[in-house]
């Protein structure tokens, strides 16, 4: 996969690892993906709470 400088910058800012290391090391990839899933679940919960407050 070709990655852009913007993708590299985002990986460094979000996860403090480079994209090449993410691709190369399975343990780093698992760490990043678990973190992404946690953030996604957290955001879904926040949206659901706000949505329920709006429809009272």
N, C-alpha and C. Protein backbone atom coordinates (compact mmCIF):
# COMPACT_ATOMS: atom_id res chain seq x y z
N UNK A 1 0.84 -1.18 0.00
CA UNK A 1 0.00 0.00 0.00
C UNK A 1 0.89 1.24 0.00
N UNK A 2 0.54 2.18 -0.81
CA UNK A 2 1.24 3.46 -0.82
C UNK A 2 0.59 4.37 0.21
N UNK A 3 1.40 5.00 1.01
CA UNK A 3 0.85 5.91 1.99
C UNK A 3 1.43 7.30 1.79
N UNK A 4 0.65 8.28 2.16
CA UNK A 4 1.00 9.67 1.92
C UNK A 4 1.65 10.27 3.18
N UNK A 5 2.31 11.40 3.02
CA UNK A 5 2.85 12.09 4.21
C UNK A 5 1.76 12.44 5.23
N UNK A 6 0.56 12.71 4.72
CA UNK A 6 -0.54 13.02 5.63
C UNK A 6 -0.92 11.81 6.48
N UNK A 7 -0.89 10.63 5.86
CA UNK A 7 -1.18 9.41 6.61
C UNK A 7 -0.11 9.16 7.67
N UNK A 8 1.14 9.40 7.32
CA UNK A 8 2.24 9.23 8.27
C UNK A 8 2.08 10.20 9.44
N UNK A 9 1.76 11.44 9.14
CA UNK A 9 1.57 12.45 10.18
C UNK A 9 0.42 12.07 11.12
N UNK A 10 -0.66 11.59 10.55
CA UNK A 10 -1.82 11.19 11.35
C UNK A 10 -1.47 10.01 12.27
N UNK A 11 -0.74 9.05 11.75
CA UNK A 11 -0.34 7.90 12.57
C UNK A 11 0.56 8.36 13.73
N UNK A 12 1.50 9.24 13.43
CA UNK A 12 2.40 9.74 14.48
C UNK A 12 1.63 10.50 15.55
N UNK A 13 0.70 11.35 15.12
CA UNK A 13 -0.06 12.15 16.08
C UNK A 13 -1.03 11.30 16.90
N UNK A 14 -1.68 10.34 16.27
CA UNK A 14 -2.70 9.56 16.94
C UNK A 14 -2.14 8.41 17.78
N UNK A 15 -1.11 7.74 17.23
CA UNK A 15 -0.67 6.50 17.86
C UNK A 15 0.81 6.47 18.20
N UNK A 16 1.52 7.51 17.82
CA UNK A 16 2.95 7.65 18.12
C UNK A 16 3.82 6.53 17.53
N UNK A 17 3.39 6.03 16.37
CA UNK A 17 4.21 5.10 15.61
C UNK A 17 4.09 5.47 14.13
N UNK A 18 5.08 5.10 13.37
CA UNK A 18 5.05 5.37 11.95
C UNK A 18 4.22 4.34 11.21
N UNK A 19 3.78 4.72 10.02
CA UNK A 19 2.95 3.82 9.23
C UNK A 19 3.73 2.58 8.81
N UNK A 20 5.00 2.72 8.52
CA UNK A 20 5.81 1.56 8.13
C UNK A 20 5.90 0.56 9.28
N UNK A 21 6.07 1.05 10.49
CA UNK A 21 6.12 0.16 11.66
C UNK A 21 4.77 -0.51 11.88
N UNK A 22 3.69 0.24 11.66
CA UNK A 22 2.34 -0.30 11.78
C UNK A 22 2.15 -1.47 10.82
N UNK A 23 2.60 -1.30 9.58
CA UNK A 23 2.46 -2.36 8.58
C UNK A 23 3.35 -3.56 8.89
N UNK A 24 4.51 -3.32 9.45
CA UNK A 24 5.52 -4.36 9.62
C UNK A 24 5.31 -5.21 10.88
N UNK A 25 4.81 -4.63 11.95
CA UNK A 25 4.74 -5.34 13.23
C UNK A 25 3.29 -5.62 13.63
N UNK A 26 2.98 -6.90 13.73
CA UNK A 26 1.62 -7.31 14.05
C UNK A 26 1.17 -6.80 15.41
N UNK A 27 2.03 -6.84 16.41
CA UNK A 27 1.63 -6.39 17.74
C UNK A 27 1.28 -4.91 17.74
N UNK A 28 1.98 -4.10 16.96
CA UNK A 28 1.66 -2.67 16.86
C UNK A 28 0.33 -2.47 16.15
N UNK A 29 0.09 -3.27 15.11
CA UNK A 29 -1.16 -3.17 14.36
C UNK A 29 -2.35 -3.53 15.25
N UNK A 30 -2.20 -4.59 16.04
CA UNK A 30 -3.27 -5.00 16.95
C UNK A 30 -3.53 -3.91 17.99
N UNK A 31 -2.46 -3.32 18.53
CA UNK A 31 -2.59 -2.23 19.50
C UNK A 31 -3.37 -1.06 18.90
N UNK A 32 -2.99 -0.65 17.70
CA UNK A 32 -3.64 0.49 17.05
C UNK A 32 -5.10 0.18 16.76
N UNK A 33 -5.38 -1.01 16.25
CA UNK A 33 -6.76 -1.36 15.90
C UNK A 33 -7.64 -1.49 17.14
N UNK A 34 -7.12 -2.00 18.23
CA UNK A 34 -7.89 -2.06 19.48
C UNK A 34 -8.19 -0.66 19.98
N UNK A 35 -7.21 0.21 19.85
CA UNK A 35 -7.41 1.60 20.27
C UNK A 35 -8.45 2.31 19.41
N UNK A 36 -8.38 2.07 18.11
CA UNK A 36 -9.38 2.65 17.20
C UNK A 36 -10.77 2.16 17.54
N UNK A 37 -10.90 0.86 17.81
CA UNK A 37 -12.20 0.30 18.14
C UNK A 37 -12.74 0.90 19.44
N UNK A 38 -11.86 1.07 20.42
CA UNK A 38 -12.26 1.68 21.69
C UNK A 38 -12.75 3.12 21.48
N UNK A 39 -12.03 3.89 20.68
CA UNK A 39 -12.42 5.27 20.40
C UNK A 39 -13.75 5.32 19.65
N UNK A 40 -13.94 4.40 18.71
CA UNK A 40 -15.18 4.33 17.95
C UNK A 40 -16.36 4.02 18.88
N UNK A 41 -16.20 3.02 19.75
CA UNK A 41 -17.26 2.66 20.69
C UNK A 41 -17.59 3.82 21.63
N UNK A 42 -16.55 4.51 22.08
CA UNK A 42 -16.74 5.65 22.97
C UNK A 42 -17.53 6.76 22.27
N UNK A 43 -17.20 7.04 21.03
CA UNK A 43 -17.91 8.07 20.27
C UNK A 43 -19.36 7.69 20.01
N UNK A 44 -19.59 6.41 19.70
CA UNK A 44 -20.97 5.96 19.48
C UNK A 44 -21.80 6.14 20.74
N UNK A 45 -21.21 5.86 21.89
CA UNK A 45 -21.93 6.02 23.16
C UNK A 45 -22.28 7.50 23.40
N UNK A 46 -21.33 8.38 23.14
CA UNK A 46 -21.56 9.82 23.32
C UNK A 46 -22.67 10.30 22.39
N UNK A 47 -22.63 9.87 21.14
CA UNK A 47 -23.66 10.27 20.18
C UNK A 47 -25.03 9.75 20.62
N UNK A 48 -25.09 8.53 21.11
CA UNK A 48 -26.36 7.97 21.57
C UNK A 48 -26.90 8.76 22.76
N UNK A 49 -26.02 9.16 23.67
CA UNK A 49 -26.46 9.96 24.82
C UNK A 49 -26.99 11.31 24.39
N UNK A 50 -26.29 11.96 23.48
CA UNK A 50 -26.75 13.27 22.99
C UNK A 50 -28.06 13.12 22.24
N UNK A 51 -28.15 12.09 21.42
CA UNK A 51 -29.38 11.85 20.65
C UNK A 51 -30.56 11.62 21.57
N UNK A 52 -30.37 10.87 22.64
CA UNK A 52 -31.47 10.61 23.56
C UNK A 52 -31.89 11.88 24.31
N UNK A 53 -30.95 12.77 24.57
CA UNK A 53 -31.27 14.03 25.24
C UNK A 53 -32.02 14.98 24.31
N UNK A 54 -31.71 14.92 23.02
CA UNK A 54 -32.38 15.79 22.07
C UNK A 54 -33.84 15.38 21.84
N UNK A 55 -34.13 14.12 22.00
CA UNK A 55 -35.47 13.61 21.70
C UNK A 55 -36.33 13.42 22.93
N UNK A 56 -36.03 14.12 24.00
CA UNK A 56 -36.87 14.05 25.22
C UNK A 56 -38.08 14.91 25.07
